[in-house]
Amino acid sequence: MFNDRDYVESIKRRYPEGTCIVLDRMGDDPRPIDPGTKGTVIHVDDIGTVHCSFDNGRQLGLVPGEDSFHKIAPRDRGDAR
């Protein structure tokens, strides 16, 4: 899948490193992460995949449009981050 440069840059601006997110739904993944799992953005790569470290110990790349997730405020994580 190829995303144009402007789209990828908009994803990078929307989800900078350290952004807190909550997973709403994963697309077609053989080992999906449960909805409601919180995580932190590690980085966004050059095709727009949002790589995250989740509170359940897993790290996974989320694909905007395929996976559904949203930003939350750090205080909404329920921990001291």
PDB file of N, CA and C in Angstrom:
ATOM      1  N   MET A   1       0.848  -1.177   0.000  1.00  0.00           N
ATOM      2  CA  MET A   1       0.000   0.000   0.000  1.00  0.00           C
ATOM      3  C   MET A   1       0.892   1.238   0.000  1.00  0.00           C
ATOM      4  N   PHE A   2       0.589   2.172  -0.866  1.00  0.00           N
ATOM      5  CA  PHE A   2       1.367   3.393  -0.955  1.00  0.00           C
ATOM      6  C   PHE A   2       0.485   4.578  -0.595  1.00  0.00           C
ATOM      7  N   ASN A   3       0.950   5.398   0.307  1.00  0.00           N
ATOM      8  CA  ASN A   3       0.234   6.617   0.681  1.00  0.00           C
ATOM      9  C   ASN A   3       1.013   7.814   0.189  1.00  0.00           C
ATOM     10  N   ASP A   4       0.280   8.859  -0.246  1.00  0.00           N
ATOM     11  CA  ASP A   4       1.005  10.021  -0.739  1.00  0.00           C
ATOM     12  C   ASP A   4       1.653  10.786   0.406  1.00  0.00           C
ATOM     13  N   ARG A   5       2.630  11.544   0.045  1.00  0.00           N
ATOM     14  CA  ARG A   5       3.484  12.247   1.010  1.00  0.00           C
ATOM     15  C   ARG A   5       2.697  13.177   1.945  1.00  0.00           C
ATOM     16  N   ASP A   6       1.733  13.928   1.400  1.00  0.00           N
ATOM     17  CA  ASP A   6       0.934  14.843   2.228  1.00  0.00           C
ATOM     18  C   ASP A   6       0.120  14.086   3.275  1.00  0.00           C
ATOM     19  N   TYR A   7      -0.452  12.944   2.865  1.00  0.00           N
ATOM     20  CA  TYR A   7      -1.227  12.127   3.794  1.00  0.00           C
ATOM     21  C   TYR A   7      -0.337  11.618   4.924  1.00  0.00           C
ATOM     22  N   VAL A   8       0.823  11.087   4.577  1.00  0.00           N
ATOM     23  CA  VAL A   8       1.747  10.563   5.595  1.00  0.00           C
ATOM     24  C   VAL A   8       2.188  11.672   6.534  1.00  0.00           C
ATOM     25  N   GLU A   9       2.494  12.834   6.008  1.00  0.00           N
ATOM     26  CA  GLU A   9       2.898  13.959   6.861  1.00  0.00           C
ATOM     27  C   GLU A   9       1.771  14.365   7.804  1.00  0.00           C
ATOM     28  N   SER A  10       0.521  14.296   7.350  1.00  0.00           N
ATOM     29  CA  SER A  10      -0.606  14.647   8.228  1.00  0.00           C
ATOM     30  C   SER A  10      -0.741  13.627   9.356  1.00  0.00           C
ATOM     31  N   ILE A  11      -0.495  12.354   9.064  1.00  0.00           N
ATOM     32  CA  ILE A  11      -0.535  11.316  10.106  1.00  0.00           C
ATOM     33  C   ILE A  11       0.592  11.563  11.115  1.00  0.00           C
ATOM     34  N   LYS A  12       1.782  11.902  10.617  1.00  0.00           N
ATOM     35  CA  LYS A  12       2.910  12.173  11.519  1.00  0.00           C
ATOM     36  C   LYS A  12       2.630  13.363  12.422  1.00  0.00           C
ATOM     37  N   ARG A  13       1.961  14.386  11.904  1.00  0.00           N
ATOM     38  CA  ARG A  13       1.601  15.549  12.739  1.00  0.00           C
ATOM     39  C   ARG A  13       0.517  15.195  13.746  1.00  0.00           C
ATOM     40  N   ARG A  14      -0.422  14.363  13.342  1.00  0.00           N
ATOM     41  CA  ARG A  14      -1.543  14.000  14.213  1.00  0.00           C
ATOM     42  C   ARG A  14      -1.115  13.076  15.346  1.00  0.00           C
ATOM     43  N   TYR A  15      -0.121  12.216  15.075  1.00  0.00           N
ATOM     44  CA  TYR A  15       0.317  11.221  16.058  1.00  0.00           C
ATOM     45  C   TYR A  15       1.823  11.282  16.290  1.00  0.00           C
ATOM     46  N   PRO A  16       2.312  12.384  16.884  1.00  0.00           N
ATOM     47  CA  PRO A  16       3.753  12.451  17.152  1.00  0.00           C
ATOM     48  C   PRO A  16       4.148  11.441  18.241  1.00  0.00           C
ATOM     49  N   GLU A  17       5.439  11.163  18.307  1.00  0.00           N
ATOM     50  CA  GLU A  17       5.974  10.265  19.332  1.00  0.00           C
ATOM     51  C   GLU A  17       5.475  10.690  20.706  1.00  0.00           C
ATOM     52  N   GLY A  18       5.024   9.715  21.489  1.00  0.00           N
ATOM     53  CA  GLY A  18       4.547   9.983  22.840  1.00  0.00           C
ATOM     54  C   GLY A  18       3.052  10.201  22.947  1.00  0.00           C
ATOM     55  N   THR A  19       2.348  10.285  21.808  1.00  0.00           N
ATOM     56  CA  THR A  19       0.897  10.464  21.836  1.00  0.00           C
ATOM     57  C   THR A  19       0.245   9.247  22.467  1.00  0.00           C
ATOM     58  N   CYS A  20      -0.694   9.480  23.371  1.00  0.00           N
ATOM     59  CA  CYS A  20      -1.442   8.402  24.017  1.00  0.00           C
ATOM     60  C   CYS A  20      -2.656   8.069  23.153  1.00  0.00           C
ATOM     61  N   ILE A  21      -2.883   6.781  22.927  1.00  0.00           N
ATOM     62  CA  ILE A  21      -4.014   6.346  22.101  1.00  0.00           C
ATOM     63  C   ILE A  21      -4.766   5.215  22.793  1.00  0.00           C
ATOM     64  N   VAL A  22      -5.984   4.965  22.303  1.00  0.00           N
ATOM     65  CA  VAL A  22      -6.773   3.802  22.704  1.00  0.00           C
ATOM     66  C   VAL A  22      -7.187   3.092  21.419  1.00  0.00           C
ATOM     67  N   LEU A  23      -7.019   1.800  21.403  1.00  0.00           N
ATOM     68  CA  LEU A  23      -7.430   1.001  20.254  1.00  0.00           C
ATOM     69  C   LEU A  23      -8.935   0.776  20.318  1.00  0.00           C
ATOM     70  N   ASP A  24      -9.634   1.095  19.233  1.00  0.00           N
ATOM     71  CA  ASP A  24     -11.079   0.860  19.149  1.00  0.00           C
ATOM     72  C   ASP A  24     -11.373  -0.483  18.487  1.00  0.00           C
ATOM     73  N   ARG A  25     -10.650  -0.769  17.392  1.00  0.00           N
ATOM     74  CA  ARG A  25     -10.888  -1.985  16.636  1.00  0.00           C
ATOM     75  C   ARG A  25      -9.687  -2.241  15.741  1.00  0.00           C
ATOM     76  N   MET A  26      -9.321  -3.498  15.627  1.00  0.00           N
ATOM     77  CA  MET A  26      -8.265  -3.873  14.683  1.00  0.00           C
ATOM     78  C   MET A  26      -8.915  -4.487  13.463  1.00  0.00           C
ATOM     79  N   GLY A  27      -8.304  -4.243  12.324  1.00  0.00           N
ATOM     80  CA  GLY A  27      -8.767  -4.857  11.081  1.00  0.00           C
ATOM     81  C   GLY A  27      -8.457  -6.342  11.095  1.00  0.00           C
ATOM     82  N   ASP A  28      -8.116  -6.867   9.974  1.00  0.00           N
ATOM     83  CA  ASP A  28      -7.875  -8.294   9.805  1.00  0.00           C
ATOM     84  C   ASP A  28      -6.484  -8.659  10.318  1.00  0.00           C
ATOM     85  N   ASP A  29      -6.386  -8.967  11.605  1.00  0.00           N
ATOM     86  CA  ASP A  29      -5.112  -9.337  12.221  1.00  0.00           C
ATOM     87  C   ASP A  29      -5.278 -10.700  12.879  1.00  0.00           C
ATOM     88  N   PRO A  30      -4.352 -11.623  12.658  1.00  0.00           N
ATOM     89  CA  PRO A  30      -4.489 -12.955  13.248  1.00  0.00           C
ATOM     90  C   PRO A  30      -4.372 -12.971  14.773  1.00  0.00           C
ATOM     91  N   ARG A  31      -3.703 -11.985  15.348  1.00  0.00           N
ATOM     92  CA  ARG A  31      -3.577 -11.877  16.810  1.00  0.00           C
ATOM     93  C   ARG A  31      -3.915 -10.450  17.226  1.00  0.00           C
ATOM     94  N   PRO A  32      -5.174 -10.072  17.131  1.00  0.00           N
ATOM     95  CA  PRO A  32      -5.540  -8.681  17.411  1.00  0.00           C
ATOM     96  C   PRO A  32      -5.342  -8.311  18.879  1.00  0.00           C
ATOM     97  N   ILE A  33      -5.128  -7.047  19.087  1.00  0.00           N
ATOM     98  CA  ILE A  33      -5.093  -6.490  20.439  1.00  0.00           C
ATOM     99  C   ILE A  33      -6.529  -6.147  20.804  1.00  0.00           C
ATOM    100  N   ASP A  34      -6.899  -6.378  22.047  1.00  0.00           N
ATOM    101  CA  ASP A  34      -8.271  -6.151  22.488  1.00  0.00           C
ATOM    102  C   ASP A  34      -8.671  -4.682  22.393  1.00  0.00           C
ATOM    103  N   PRO A  35      -9.913  -4.431  21.961  1.00  0.00           N
ATOM    104  CA  PRO A  35     -10.430  -3.061  21.976  1.00  0.00           C
ATOM    105  C   PRO A  35     -10.339  -2.479  23.391  1.00  0.00           C
ATOM    106  N   GLY A  36     -10.037  -1.196  23.471  1.00  0.00           N
ATOM    107  CA  GLY A  36      -9.911  -0.522  24.764  1.00  0.00           C
ATOM    108  C   GLY A  36      -8.506  -0.515  25.315  1.00  0.00           C
ATOM    109  N   THR A  37      -7.592  -1.259  24.681  1.00  0.00           N
ATOM    110  CA  THR A  37      -6.207  -1.291  25.137  1.00  0.00           C
ATOM    111  C   THR A  37      -5.550   0.050  24.846  1.00  0.00           C
ATOM    112  N   LYS A  38      -4.859   0.586  25.846  1.00  0.00           N
ATOM    113  CA  LYS A  38      -4.177   1.872  25.708  1.00  0.00           C
ATOM    114  C   LYS A  38      -2.733   1.664  25.288  1.00  0.00           C
ATOM    115  N   GLY A  39      -2.192   2.662  24.599  1.00  0.00           N
ATOM    116  CA  GLY A  39      -0.818   2.574  24.143  1.00  0.00           C
ATOM    117  C   GLY A  39      -0.208   3.941  23.909  1.00  0.00           C
ATOM    118  N   THR A  40       1.055   3.925  23.532  1.00  0.00           N
ATOM    119  CA  THR A  40       1.818   5.147  23.272  1.00  0.00           C
ATOM    120  C   THR A  40       2.475   5.028  21.909  1.00  0.00           C
ATOM    121  N   VAL A  41       2.365   6.091  21.112  1.00  0.00           N
ATOM    122  CA  VAL A  41       2.976   6.099  19.788  1.00  0.00           C
ATOM    123  C   VAL A  41       4.489   6.131  19.928  1.00  0.00           C
ATOM    124  N   ILE A  42       5.155   5.210  19.230  1.00  0.00           N
ATOM    125  CA  ILE A  42       6.615   5.166  19.178  1.00  0.00           C
ATOM    126  C   ILE A  42       7.091   6.035  18.020  1.00  0.00           C
ATOM    127  N   HIS A  43       6.496   5.812  16.850  1.00  0.00           N
ATOM    128  CA  HIS A  43       6.789   6.637  15.673  1.00  0.00           C
ATOM    129  C   HIS A  43       5.806   6.301  14.554  1.00  0.00           C
ATOM    130  N   VAL A  44       5.794   7.146  13.535  1.00  0.00           N
ATOM    131  CA  VAL A  44       5.017   6.901  12.318  1.00  0.00           C
ATOM    132  C   VAL A  44       6.028   6.721  11.194  1.00  0.00           C
ATOM    133  N   ASP A  45       5.921   5.615  10.468  1.00  0.00           N
ATOM    134  CA  ASP A  45       6.894   5.346   9.412  1.00  0.00           C
ATOM    135  C   ASP A  45       6.521   6.069   8.113  1.00  0.00           C
ATOM    136  N   ASP A  46       7.322   5.853   7.087  1.00  0.00           N
ATOM    137  CA  ASP A  46       7.170   6.602   5.838  1.00  0.00           C
ATOM    138  C   ASP A  46       5.993   6.163   4.976  1.00  0.00           C
ATOM    139  N   ILE A  47       5.261   5.130   5.387  1.00  0.00           N
ATOM    140  CA  ILE A  47       4.030   4.794   4.674  1.00  0.00           C
ATOM    141  C   ILE A  47       2.797   5.091   5.523  1.00  0.00           C
ATOM    142  N   GLY A  48       2.996   5.718   6.688  1.00  0.00           N
ATOM    143  CA  GLY A  48       1.886   6.156   7.521  1.00  0.00           C
ATOM    144  C   GLY A  48       1.427   5.165   8.565  1.00  0.00           C
ATOM    145  N   THR A  49       2.169   4.078   8.781  1.00  0.00           N
ATOM    146  CA  THR A  49       1.831   3.133   9.838  1.00  0.00           C
ATOM    147  C   THR A  49       2.223   3.738  11.180  1.00  0.00           C
ATOM    148  N   VAL A  50       1.284   3.704  12.134  1.00  0.00           N
ATOM    149  CA  VAL A  50       1.499   4.279  13.466  1.00  0.00           C
ATOM    150  C   VAL A  50       1.953   3.150  14.388  1.00  0.00           C
ATOM    151  N   HIS A  51       3.241   3.149  14.717  1.00  0.00           N
ATOM    152  CA  HIS A  51       3.808   2.099  15.565  1.00  0.00           C
ATOM    153  C   HIS A  51       3.623   2.472  17.028  1.00  0.00           C
ATOM    154  N   CYS A  52       3.068   1.528  17.802  1.00  0.00           N
ATOM    155  CA  CYS A  52       2.707   1.799  19.195  1.00  0.00           C
ATOM    156  C   CYS A  52       3.238   0.730  20.137  1.00  0.00           C
ATOM    157  N   SER A  53       3.466   1.159  21.357  1.00  0.00           N
ATOM    158  CA  SER A  53       3.777   0.264  22.459  1.00  0.00           C
ATOM    159  C   SER A  53       2.532   0.243  23.344  1.00  0.00           C
ATOM    160  N   PHE A  54       1.913  -0.924  23.463  1.00  0.00           N
ATOM    161  CA  PHE A  54       0.667  -1.037  24.210  1.00  0.00           C
ATOM    162  C   PHE A  54       0.916  -1.432  25.657  1.00  0.00           C
ATOM    163  N   ASP A  55      -0.036  -1.074  26.508  1.00  0.00           N
ATOM    164  CA  ASP A  55       0.085  -1.341  27.934  1.00  0.00           C
ATOM    165  C   ASP A  55       0.086  -2.832  28.262  1.00  0.00           C
ATOM    166  N   ASN A  56      -0.339  -3.675  27.323  1.00  0.00           N
ATOM    167  CA  ASN A  56      -0.330  -5.117  27.564  1.00  0.00           C
ATOM    168  C   ASN A  56       1.018  -5.748  27.202  1.00  0.00           C
ATOM    169  N   GLY A  57       2.016  -4.899  26.855  1.00  0.00           N
ATOM    170  CA  GLY A  57       3.355  -5.386  26.564  1.00  0.00           C
ATOM    171  C   GLY A  57       3.640  -5.617  25.089  1.00  0.00           C
ATOM    172  N   ARG A  58       2.634  -5.538  24.258  1.00  0.00           N
ATOM    173  CA  ARG A  58       2.839  -5.752  22.822  1.00  0.00           C
ATOM    174  C   ARG A  58       3.195  -4.456  22.114  1.00  0.00           C
ATOM    175  N   GLN A  59       3.906  -4.588  21.014  1.00  0.00           N
ATOM    176  CA  GLN A  59       4.183  -3.470  20.114  1.00  0.00           C
ATOM    177  C   GLN A  59       3.644  -3.865  18.760  1.00  0.00           C
ATOM    178  N   LEU A  60       2.953  -2.922  18.126  1.00  0.00           N
ATOM    179  CA  LEU A  60       2.311  -3.237  16.859  1.00  0.00           C
ATOM    180  C   LEU A  60       2.114  -1.961  16.064  1.00  0.00           C
ATOM    181  N   GLY A  61       2.139  -2.086  14.753  1.00  0.00           N
ATOM    182  CA  GLY A  61       1.849  -0.966  13.870  1.00  0.00           C
ATOM    183  C   GLY A  61       0.379  -0.939  13.519  1.00  0.00           C
ATOM    184  N   LEU A  62      -0.236   0.223  13.654  1.00  0.00           N
ATOM    185  CA  LEU A  62      -1.633   0.416  13.298  1.00  0.00           C
ATOM    186  C   LEU A  62      -1.717   1.141  11.966  1.00  0.00           C
ATOM    187  N   VAL A  63      -2.652   0.717  11.134  1.00  0.00           N
ATOM    188  CA  VAL A  63      -2.825   1.314   9.817  1.00  0.00           C
ATOM    189  C   VAL A  63      -4.093   2.160   9.845  1.00  0.00           C
ATOM    190  N   PRO A  64      -3.949   3.495   9.775  1.00  0.00           N
ATOM    191  CA  PRO A  64      -5.139   4.348   9.741  1.00  0.00           C
ATOM    192  C   PRO A  64      -6.038   3.948   8.565  1.00  0.00           C
ATOM    193  N   GLY A  65      -7.325   3.841   8.835  1.00  0.00           N
ATOM    194  CA  GLY A  65      -8.266   3.418   7.810  1.00  0.00           C
ATOM    195  C   GLY A  65      -8.556   1.926   7.853  1.00  0.00           C
ATOM    196  N   GLU A  66      -7.595   1.153   8.287  1.00  0.00           N
ATOM    197  CA  GLU A  66      -7.783  -0.287   8.468  1.00  0.00           C
ATOM    198  C   GLU A  66      -8.056  -0.594   9.933  1.00  0.00           C
ATOM    199  N   ASP A  67      -7.283   0.020  10.811  1.00  0.00           N
ATOM    200  CA  ASP A  67      -7.466  -0.115  12.253  1.00  0.00           C
ATOM    201  C   ASP A  67      -8.100   1.180  12.764  1.00  0.00           C
ATOM    202  N   SER A  68      -8.868   1.061  13.826  1.00  0.00           N
ATOM    203  CA  SER A  68      -9.535   2.228  14.394  1.00  0.00           C
ATOM    204  C   SER A  68      -8.960   2.501  15.787  1.00  0.00           C
ATOM    205  N   PHE A  69      -8.528   3.744  16.003  1.00  0.00           N
ATOM    206  CA  PHE A  69      -7.952   4.146  17.282  1.00  0.00           C
ATOM    207  C   PHE A  69      -8.123   5.650  17.421  1.00  0.00           C
ATOM    208  N   HIS A  70      -7.997   6.133  18.653  1.00  0.00           N
ATOM    209  CA  HIS A  70      -8.134   7.574  18.870  1.00  0.00           C
ATOM    210  C   HIS A  70      -7.183   8.039  19.962  1.00  0.00           C
ATOM    211  N   LYS A  71      -6.886   9.345  19.920  1.00  0.00           N
ATOM    212  CA  LYS A  71      -6.005   9.949  20.920  1.00  0.00           C
ATOM    213  C   LYS A  71      -6.759  10.149  22.224  1.00  0.00           C
ATOM    214  N   ILE A  72      -6.008  10.075  23.307  1.00  0.00           N
ATOM    215  CA  ILE A  72      -6.530  10.420  24.627  1.00  0.00           C
ATOM    216  C   ILE A  72      -5.506  11.309  25.315  1.00  0.00           C
ATOM    217  N   ALA A  73      -5.972  12.034  26.310  1.00  0.00           N
ATOM    218  CA  ALA A  73      -5.067  12.859  27.102  1.00  0.00           C
ATOM    219  C   ALA A  73      -4.255  11.945  28.018  1.00  0.00           C
ATOM    220  N   PRO A  74      -2.986  12.287  28.277  1.00  0.00           N
ATOM    221  CA  PRO A  74      -2.172  11.449  29.158  1.00  0.00           C
ATOM    222  C   PRO A  74      -2.846  11.168  30.500  1.00  0.00           C
ATOM    223  N   ARG A  75      -3.589  12.122  31.022  1.00  0.00           N
ATOM    224  CA  ARG A  75      -4.250  11.919  32.321  1.00  0.00           C
ATOM    225  C   ARG A  75      -5.353  10.858  32.258  1.00  0.00           C
ATOM    226  N   ASP A  76      -5.833  10.554  31.041  1.00  0.00           N
ATOM    227  CA  ASP A  76      -6.904   9.553  30.873  1.00  0.00           C
ATOM    228  C   ASP A  76      -6.375   8.127  30.774  1.00  0.00           C
ATOM    229  N   ARG A  77      -5.055   7.983  30.883  1.00  0.00           N
ATOM    230  CA  ARG A  77      -4.468   6.641  30.799  1.00  0.00           C
ATOM    231  C   ARG A  77      -4.674   5.847  32.079  1.00  0.00           C
ATOM    232  N   GLY A  78      -4.923   6.534  33.168  1.00  0.00           N
ATOM    233  CA  GLY A  78      -5.106   5.829  34.430  1.00  0.00           C
ATOM    234  C   GLY A  78      -3.810   5.483  35.120  1.00  0.00           C
ATOM    235  N   ASP A  79      -2.693   6.125  34.673  1.00  0.00           N
ATOM    236  CA  ASP A  79      -1.418   5.900  35.333  1.00  0.00           C
ATOM    237  C   ASP A  79      -0.674   7.234  35.436  1.00  0.00           C
ATOM    238  N   ALA A  80       0.541   7.182  35.849  1.00  0.00           N
ATOM    239  CA  ALA A  80       1.298   8.424  36.141  1.00  0.00           C
ATOM    240  C   ALA A  80       2.017   9.012  34.924  1.00  0.00           C
ATOM    241  N   ARG A  81       1.752   8.541  33.720  1.00  0.00           N
ATOM    242  CA  ARG A  81       2.457   9.062  32.543  1.00  0.00           C
ATOM    243  C   ARG A  81       2.071  10.477  32.249  1.00  0.00           C
TER     244      ARG A  81
END
